[in-house]
Amino acid sequence: MSAENNQKTTELLEQLFAAFNRHDIDGVMACMTDDVVFEGAAGPEAHGNRFVGADAVAAAFINVWTTMPDVQWNNTSHFATGDRGVSQWTFCATTPDGRRIEADGVDLFTLKGGKLALKQAFRKDRPLLDPR
């Protein structure tokens, strides 16, 4: 892949995280393939919870925004090479019981046809913080 394609992927990741922080499901899903797979940071399997297909993935993201309406992915940085991309971030949110999550994480992405086909999330396992 060329440096130009790597730059396009990096721009796609910037677009994705801007949409995440706006809680804009149409903007998020515009970055992904119809058959996208999202592997969440937590869940009963080694890969976390797995969501397959645009509808299931969209529902998972909407659930996060609904459960934690102030959620943001801060301090983002992105890079890409070939058909792979990486985003680093700090996940910041208030849980329904008023405690805070502030934990660093990364997403590993695989692209297909210029869109995101696989999103694998990894986040530090940090205790919840008392309300500020």
N, C-alpha and C. Protein backbone atom coordinates (compact mmCIF):
# COMPACT_ATOMS: atom_id res chain seq x y z
N MET A 1 0.85 -1.19 0.00
CA MET A 1 0.00 0.00 0.00
C MET A 1 0.88 1.24 0.00
N SER A 2 0.39 2.25 -0.59
CA SER A 2 1.15 3.48 -0.71
C SER A 2 0.95 4.37 0.51
N ALA A 3 1.85 5.32 0.64
CA ALA A 3 1.72 6.30 1.72
C ALA A 3 0.40 7.06 1.58
N GLU A 4 -0.04 7.27 0.35
CA GLU A 4 -1.32 7.96 0.12
C GLU A 4 -2.49 7.15 0.68
N ASN A 5 -2.48 5.84 0.45
CA ASN A 5 -3.54 4.99 0.99
C ASN A 5 -3.49 4.94 2.51
N ASN A 6 -2.30 4.90 3.08
CA ASN A 6 -2.17 4.92 4.54
C ASN A 6 -2.74 6.22 5.09
N GLN A 7 -2.50 7.32 4.40
CA GLN A 7 -3.04 8.62 4.83
C GLN A 7 -4.57 8.61 4.75
N LYS A 8 -5.12 8.02 3.70
CA LYS A 8 -6.58 7.93 3.58
C LYS A 8 -7.18 7.12 4.72
N THR A 9 -6.51 6.04 5.10
CA THR A 9 -6.99 5.24 6.23
C THR A 9 -6.92 6.04 7.52
N THR A 10 -5.84 6.75 7.73
CA THR A 10 -5.71 7.58 8.93
C THR A 10 -6.82 8.62 8.97
N GLU A 11 -7.13 9.24 7.83
CA GLU A 11 -8.22 10.21 7.76
C GLU A 11 -9.57 9.54 8.05
N LEU A 12 -9.76 8.31 7.58
CA LEU A 12 -10.99 7.57 7.87
C LEU A 12 -11.12 7.33 9.37
N LEU A 13 -10.03 6.99 10.04
CA LEU A 13 -10.06 6.78 11.49
C LEU A 13 -10.35 8.08 12.23
N GLU A 14 -9.80 9.18 11.77
CA GLU A 14 -10.13 10.48 12.37
C GLU A 14 -11.61 10.79 12.22
N GLN A 15 -12.15 10.52 11.03
CA GLN A 15 -13.58 10.72 10.76
C GLN A 15 -14.42 9.83 11.68
N LEU A 16 -14.01 8.58 11.85
CA LEU A 16 -14.73 7.63 12.70
C LEU A 16 -14.80 8.14 14.14
N PHE A 17 -13.68 8.55 14.70
CA PHE A 17 -13.67 8.96 16.10
C PHE A 17 -14.37 10.30 16.31
N ALA A 18 -14.35 11.17 15.32
CA ALA A 18 -15.14 12.40 15.42
C ALA A 18 -16.62 12.04 15.49
N ALA A 19 -17.06 11.06 14.68
CA ALA A 19 -18.46 10.62 14.71
C ALA A 19 -18.78 9.92 16.03
N PHE A 20 -17.86 9.09 16.54
CA PHE A 20 -18.08 8.47 17.87
C PHE A 20 -18.34 9.55 18.91
N ASN A 21 -17.52 10.59 18.92
CA ASN A 21 -17.64 11.62 19.95
C ASN A 21 -18.85 12.52 19.75
N ARG A 22 -19.41 12.56 18.54
CA ARG A 22 -20.68 13.27 18.31
C ARG A 22 -21.87 12.37 18.60
N HIS A 23 -21.60 11.09 18.82
CA HIS A 23 -22.65 10.08 18.98
C HIS A 23 -23.52 10.02 17.72
N ASP A 24 -22.85 10.02 16.59
CA ASP A 24 -23.46 10.09 15.26
C ASP A 24 -23.38 8.71 14.61
N ILE A 25 -24.43 7.90 14.77
CA ILE A 25 -24.38 6.53 14.27
C ILE A 25 -24.26 6.49 12.76
N ASP A 26 -24.90 7.39 12.04
CA ASP A 26 -24.77 7.39 10.58
C ASP A 26 -23.33 7.68 10.17
N GLY A 27 -22.69 8.62 10.84
CA GLY A 27 -21.29 8.94 10.56
C GLY A 27 -20.36 7.79 10.87
N VAL A 28 -20.62 7.09 11.98
CA VAL A 28 -19.80 5.93 12.34
C VAL A 28 -19.96 4.83 11.30
N MET A 29 -21.19 4.50 10.99
CA MET A 29 -21.43 3.36 10.10
C MET A 29 -21.01 3.65 8.66
N ALA A 30 -20.92 4.93 8.28
CA ALA A 30 -20.43 5.28 6.95
C ALA A 30 -18.97 4.87 6.75
N CYS A 31 -18.27 4.66 7.84
CA CYS A 31 -16.86 4.27 7.79
C CYS A 31 -16.67 2.76 7.70
N MET A 32 -17.77 2.00 7.83
CA MET A 32 -17.67 0.55 7.98
C MET A 32 -18.36 -0.19 6.83
N THR A 33 -17.91 -1.41 6.61
CA THR A 33 -18.55 -2.27 5.61
C THR A 33 -19.88 -2.77 6.15
N ASP A 34 -20.73 -3.24 5.27
CA ASP A 34 -22.03 -3.80 5.69
C ASP A 34 -21.87 -5.05 6.54
N ASP A 35 -20.79 -5.80 6.32
CA ASP A 35 -20.55 -7.04 7.06
C ASP A 35 -19.52 -6.86 8.18
N VAL A 36 -19.39 -5.65 8.66
CA VAL A 36 -18.40 -5.33 9.70
C VAL A 36 -18.56 -6.24 10.91
N VAL A 37 -17.44 -6.51 11.55
CA VAL A 37 -17.40 -7.26 12.81
C VAL A 37 -16.74 -6.37 13.85
N PHE A 38 -17.38 -6.27 15.02
CA PHE A 38 -16.84 -5.51 16.15
C PHE A 38 -16.64 -6.47 17.31
N GLU A 39 -15.41 -6.53 17.80
CA GLU A 39 -15.09 -7.32 18.98
C GLU A 39 -14.83 -6.36 20.13
N GLY A 40 -15.76 -6.31 21.09
CA GLY A 40 -15.68 -5.37 22.20
C GLY A 40 -14.55 -5.70 23.16
N ALA A 41 -14.25 -4.74 24.02
CA ALA A 41 -13.16 -4.88 24.97
C ALA A 41 -13.47 -5.88 26.09
N ALA A 42 -14.72 -6.18 26.30
CA ALA A 42 -15.10 -7.09 27.39
C ALA A 42 -16.09 -8.12 26.87
N GLY A 43 -16.23 -9.19 27.60
CA GLY A 43 -17.19 -10.22 27.24
C GLY A 43 -16.71 -11.58 27.68
N PRO A 44 -17.56 -12.58 27.52
CA PRO A 44 -17.25 -13.91 28.05
C PRO A 44 -16.24 -14.71 27.22
N GLU A 45 -16.00 -14.32 26.00
CA GLU A 45 -15.08 -15.04 25.13
C GLU A 45 -13.70 -14.37 25.13
N ALA A 46 -12.69 -15.08 24.66
CA ALA A 46 -11.34 -14.52 24.60
C ALA A 46 -11.30 -13.25 23.75
N HIS A 47 -12.17 -13.16 22.74
CA HIS A 47 -12.21 -11.99 21.86
C HIS A 47 -13.17 -10.92 22.37
N GLY A 48 -13.80 -11.12 23.53
CA GLY A 48 -14.80 -10.18 24.05
C GLY A 48 -16.16 -10.50 23.44
N ASN A 49 -17.08 -9.57 23.55
CA ASN A 49 -18.37 -9.74 22.86
C ASN A 49 -18.16 -9.46 21.38
N ARG A 50 -18.72 -10.30 20.53
CA ARG A 50 -18.59 -10.13 19.08
C ARG A 50 -19.94 -9.75 18.50
N PHE A 51 -19.94 -8.69 17.70
CA PHE A 51 -21.13 -8.21 17.01
C PHE A 51 -20.84 -8.31 15.52
N VAL A 52 -21.75 -8.92 14.77
CA VAL A 52 -21.53 -9.18 13.35
C VAL A 52 -22.60 -8.50 12.53
N GLY A 53 -22.17 -7.71 11.55
CA GLY A 53 -23.09 -7.03 10.65
C GLY A 53 -23.39 -5.62 11.12
N ALA A 54 -23.72 -4.77 10.16
CA ALA A 54 -23.92 -3.35 10.44
C ALA A 54 -24.99 -3.09 11.49
N ASP A 55 -26.10 -3.81 11.43
CA ASP A 55 -27.18 -3.57 12.39
C ASP A 55 -26.75 -3.90 13.81
N ALA A 56 -26.10 -5.04 14.01
CA ALA A 56 -25.66 -5.44 15.35
C ALA A 56 -24.58 -4.50 15.88
N VAL A 57 -23.66 -4.11 15.01
CA VAL A 57 -22.59 -3.20 15.43
C VAL A 57 -23.17 -1.84 15.79
N ALA A 58 -24.07 -1.32 14.98
CA ALA A 58 -24.71 -0.03 15.28
C ALA A 58 -25.44 -0.09 16.61
N ALA A 59 -26.17 -1.17 16.85
CA ALA A 59 -26.90 -1.31 18.12
C ALA A 59 -25.94 -1.32 19.31
N ALA A 60 -24.79 -1.96 19.16
CA ALA A 60 -23.81 -1.99 20.25
C ALA A 60 -23.30 -0.60 20.57
N PHE A 61 -22.99 0.19 19.54
CA PHE A 61 -22.50 1.55 19.77
C PHE A 61 -23.59 2.43 20.39
N ILE A 62 -24.79 2.33 19.88
CA ILE A 62 -25.90 3.11 20.43
C ILE A 62 -26.13 2.76 21.89
N ASN A 63 -25.98 1.48 22.23
CA ASN A 63 -26.13 1.06 23.63
C ASN A 63 -25.10 1.75 24.53
N VAL A 64 -23.87 1.86 24.07
CA VAL A 64 -22.84 2.55 24.86
C VAL A 64 -23.24 4.01 25.07
N TRP A 65 -23.66 4.68 24.00
CA TRP A 65 -24.04 6.09 24.10
C TRP A 65 -25.26 6.28 25.00
N THR A 66 -26.17 5.33 24.98
CA THR A 66 -27.39 5.41 25.80
C THR A 66 -27.06 5.16 27.28
N THR A 67 -26.24 4.18 27.53
CA THR A 67 -25.87 3.81 28.90
C THR A 67 -24.98 4.87 29.55
N MET A 68 -24.09 5.46 28.75
CA MET A 68 -23.14 6.46 29.25
C MET A 68 -23.19 7.68 28.34
N PRO A 69 -24.18 8.54 28.51
CA PRO A 69 -24.42 9.63 27.56
C PRO A 69 -23.27 10.63 27.40
N ASP A 70 -22.35 10.67 28.35
CA ASP A 70 -21.23 11.60 28.23
C ASP A 70 -19.96 10.95 27.66
N VAL A 71 -20.05 9.72 27.19
CA VAL A 71 -18.87 8.98 26.74
C VAL A 71 -18.13 9.73 25.63
N GLN A 72 -16.81 9.72 25.75
CA GLN A 72 -15.93 10.31 24.75
C GLN A 72 -14.67 9.47 24.64
N TRP A 73 -14.08 9.49 23.47
CA TRP A 73 -12.78 8.88 23.24
C TRP A 73 -11.81 10.03 23.04
N ASN A 74 -11.02 10.31 24.07
CA ASN A 74 -10.11 11.46 24.07
C ASN A 74 -8.69 11.03 23.74
N ASN A 75 -7.85 12.03 23.49
CA ASN A 75 -6.41 11.80 23.26
C ASN A 75 -6.16 10.80 22.14
N THR A 76 -6.92 10.90 21.06
CA THR A 76 -6.81 9.93 19.98
C THR A 76 -5.56 10.16 19.14
N SER A 77 -5.00 9.06 18.67
CA SER A 77 -3.96 9.09 17.65
C SER A 77 -4.15 7.86 16.79
N HIS A 78 -3.76 7.96 15.53
CA HIS A 78 -4.05 6.91 14.56
C HIS A 78 -2.84 6.69 13.65
N PHE A 79 -2.69 5.46 13.19
CA PHE A 79 -1.75 5.19 12.11
C PHE A 79 -2.24 3.99 11.31
N ALA A 80 -1.71 3.85 10.12
CA ALA A 80 -2.15 2.78 9.23
C ALA A 80 -0.99 2.27 8.41
N THR A 81 -1.09 1.01 8.06
CA THR A 81 -0.16 0.41 7.11
C THR A 81 -0.90 -0.71 6.39
N GLY A 82 -0.85 -0.66 5.09
CA GLY A 82 -1.54 -1.67 4.30
C GLY A 82 -3.02 -1.67 4.59
N ASP A 83 -3.57 -2.86 4.86
CA ASP A 83 -5.01 -2.96 5.14
C ASP A 83 -5.30 -2.98 6.64
N ARG A 84 -4.38 -2.44 7.44
CA ARG A 84 -4.54 -2.42 8.89
C ARG A 84 -4.43 -0.98 9.39
N GLY A 85 -5.18 -0.69 10.46
CA GLY A 85 -5.12 0.60 11.11
C GLY A 85 -5.14 0.41 12.62
N VAL A 86 -4.60 1.39 13.33
CA VAL A 86 -4.56 1.37 14.79
C VAL A 86 -4.97 2.74 15.30
N SER A 87 -5.84 2.74 16.31
CA SER A 87 -6.22 3.97 16.99
C SER A 87 -5.94 3.79 18.48
N GLN A 88 -5.30 4.79 19.07
CA GLN A 88 -5.11 4.83 20.52
C GLN A 88 -6.02 5.92 21.06
N TRP A 89 -6.53 5.73 22.31
CA TRP A 89 -7.48 6.67 22.87
C TRP A 89 -7.56 6.49 24.38
N THR A 90 -8.21 7.44 25.02
CA THR A 90 -8.60 7.32 26.42
C THR A 90 -10.12 7.34 26.46
N PHE A 91 -10.70 6.27 26.96
CA PHE A 91 -12.16 6.12 27.08
C PHE A 91 -12.58 6.82 28.37
N CYS A 92 -13.47 7.80 28.26
CA CYS A 92 -13.93 8.59 29.41
C CYS A 92 -15.45 8.60 29.43
N ALA A 93 -16.04 8.17 30.57
CA ALA A 93 -17.49 8.12 30.66
C ALA A 93 -17.92 8.03 32.11
N THR A 94 -19.18 8.39 32.33
CA THR A 94 -19.81 8.21 33.64
C THR A 94 -20.77 7.04 33.54
N THR A 95 -20.65 6.08 34.46
CA THR A 95 -21.52 4.92 34.48
C THR A 95 -22.89 5.32 35.05
N PRO A 96 -23.90 4.50 34.85
CA PRO A 96 -25.23 4.84 35.37
C PRO A 96 -25.27 5.10 36.88
N ASP A 97 -24.35 4.48 37.64
CA ASP A 97 -24.33 4.70 39.09
C ASP A 97 -23.48 5.90 39.50
N GLY A 98 -22.99 6.67 38.52
CA GLY A 98 -22.26 7.90 38.81
C GLY A 98 -20.76 7.76 38.92
N ARG A 99 -20.24 6.55 38.82
CA ARG A 99 -18.78 6.39 38.86
C ARG A 99 -18.20 6.66 37.48
N ARG A 100 -16.89 6.93 37.46
CA ARG A 100 -16.21 7.30 36.21
C ARG A 100 -15.32 6.18 35.70
N ILE A 101 -15.27 6.10 34.38
CA ILE A 101 -14.29 5.26 33.69
C ILE A 101 -13.35 6.21 32.98
N GLU A 102 -12.07 6.04 33.22
CA GLU A 102 -11.03 6.73 32.45
C GLU A 102 -9.92 5.71 32.25
N ALA A 103 -9.85 5.16 31.04
CA ALA A 103 -8.89 4.10 30.77
C ALA A 103 -8.38 4.20 29.34
N ASP A 104 -7.10 3.98 29.19
CA ASP A 104 -6.50 3.98 27.87
C ASP A 104 -6.84 2.71 27.13
N GLY A 105 -6.87 2.80 25.80
CA GLY A 105 -7.14 1.63 24.99
C GLY A 105 -6.69 1.82 23.56
N VAL A 106 -6.85 0.75 22.80
CA VAL A 106 -6.52 0.77 21.37
C VAL A 106 -7.59 0.00 20.61
N ASP A 107 -7.76 0.35 19.37
CA ASP A 107 -8.55 -0.43 18.43
C ASP A 107 -7.61 -0.88 17.33
N LEU A 108 -7.73 -2.14 16.96
CA LEU A 108 -7.05 -2.67 15.78
C LEU A 108 -8.10 -2.84 14.71
N PHE A 109 -7.83 -2.33 13.53
CA PHE A 109 -8.79 -2.36 12.43
C PHE A 109 -8.21 -3.14 11.25
N THR A 110 -9.09 -3.84 10.55
CA THR A 110 -8.78 -4.42 9.26
C THR A 110 -9.73 -3.79 8.25
N LEU A 111 -9.18 -3.37 7.12
CA LEU A 111 -9.96 -2.69 6.10
C LEU A 111 -10.26 -3.62 4.93
N LYS A 112 -11.38 -3.32 4.27
CA LYS A 112 -11.76 -4.02 3.04
C LYS A 112 -12.43 -2.98 2.15
N GLY A 113 -11.89 -2.79 0.97
CA GLY A 113 -12.49 -1.85 0.03
C GLY A 113 -12.51 -0.41 0.54
N GLY A 114 -11.53 -0.03 1.33
CA GLY A 114 -11.44 1.34 1.84
C GLY A 114 -12.32 1.63 3.04
N LYS A 115 -12.97 0.60 3.59
CA LYS A 115 -13.80 0.78 4.78
C LYS A 115 -13.36 -0.20 5.86
N LEU A 116 -13.84 0.04 7.07
CA LEU A 116 -13.47 -0.79 8.21
C LEU A 116 -14.32 -2.06 8.23
N ALA A 117 -13.67 -3.22 8.18
CA ALA A 117 -14.37 -4.50 8.16
C ALA A 117 -14.28 -5.22 9.50
N LEU A 118 -13.26 -4.88 10.31
CA LEU A 118 -13.09 -5.50 11.61
C LEU A 118 -12.56 -4.45 12.57
N LYS A 119 -13.21 -4.32 13.73
CA LYS A 119 -12.78 -3.42 14.81
C LYS A 119 -12.60 -4.27 16.06
N GLN A 120 -11.37 -4.38 16.53
CA GLN A 120 -11.06 -5.13 17.74
C GLN A 120 -10.65 -4.13 18.82
N ALA A 121 -11.41 -4.05 19.90
CA ALA A 121 -11.16 -3.07 20.96
C ALA A 121 -10.44 -3.72 22.13
N PHE A 122 -9.45 -3.00 22.67
CA PHE A 122 -8.70 -3.43 23.85
C PHE A 122 -8.60 -2.23 24.78
N ARG A 123 -8.98 -2.42 26.05
CA ARG A 123 -8.97 -1.31 27.01
C ARG A 123 -8.37 -1.79 28.32
N LYS A 124 -7.59 -0.91 28.96
CA LYS A 124 -7.02 -1.22 30.26
C LYS A 124 -8.14 -1.56 31.24
N ASP A 125 -7.89 -2.54 32.09
CA ASP A 125 -8.84 -2.95 33.11
C ASP A 125 -8.51 -2.15 34.37
N ARG A 126 -9.20 -1.04 34.54
CA ARG A 126 -8.93 -0.12 35.63
C ARG A 126 -10.17 -0.02 36.51
N PRO A 127 -10.01 0.02 37.84
CA PRO A 127 -11.18 0.18 38.70
C PRO A 127 -11.93 1.47 38.39
N LEU A 128 -13.24 1.43 38.59
CA LEU A 128 -14.06 2.64 38.41
C LEU A 128 -13.65 3.67 39.44
N LEU A 129 -13.79 4.93 39.06
CA LEU A 129 -13.42 6.04 39.94
C LEU A 129 -14.66 6.60 40.60
N ASP A 130 -14.52 7.08 41.84
CA ASP A 130 -15.64 7.72 42.52
C ASP A 130 -16.02 9.00 41.79
N PRO A 131 -17.29 9.41 41.90
CA PRO A 131 -17.72 10.65 41.23
C PRO A 131 -16.85 11.84 41.66
N ARG A 132 -16.72 12.78 40.75
CA ARG A 132 -15.92 13.98 41.05
C ARG A 132 -16.70 14.93 41.90
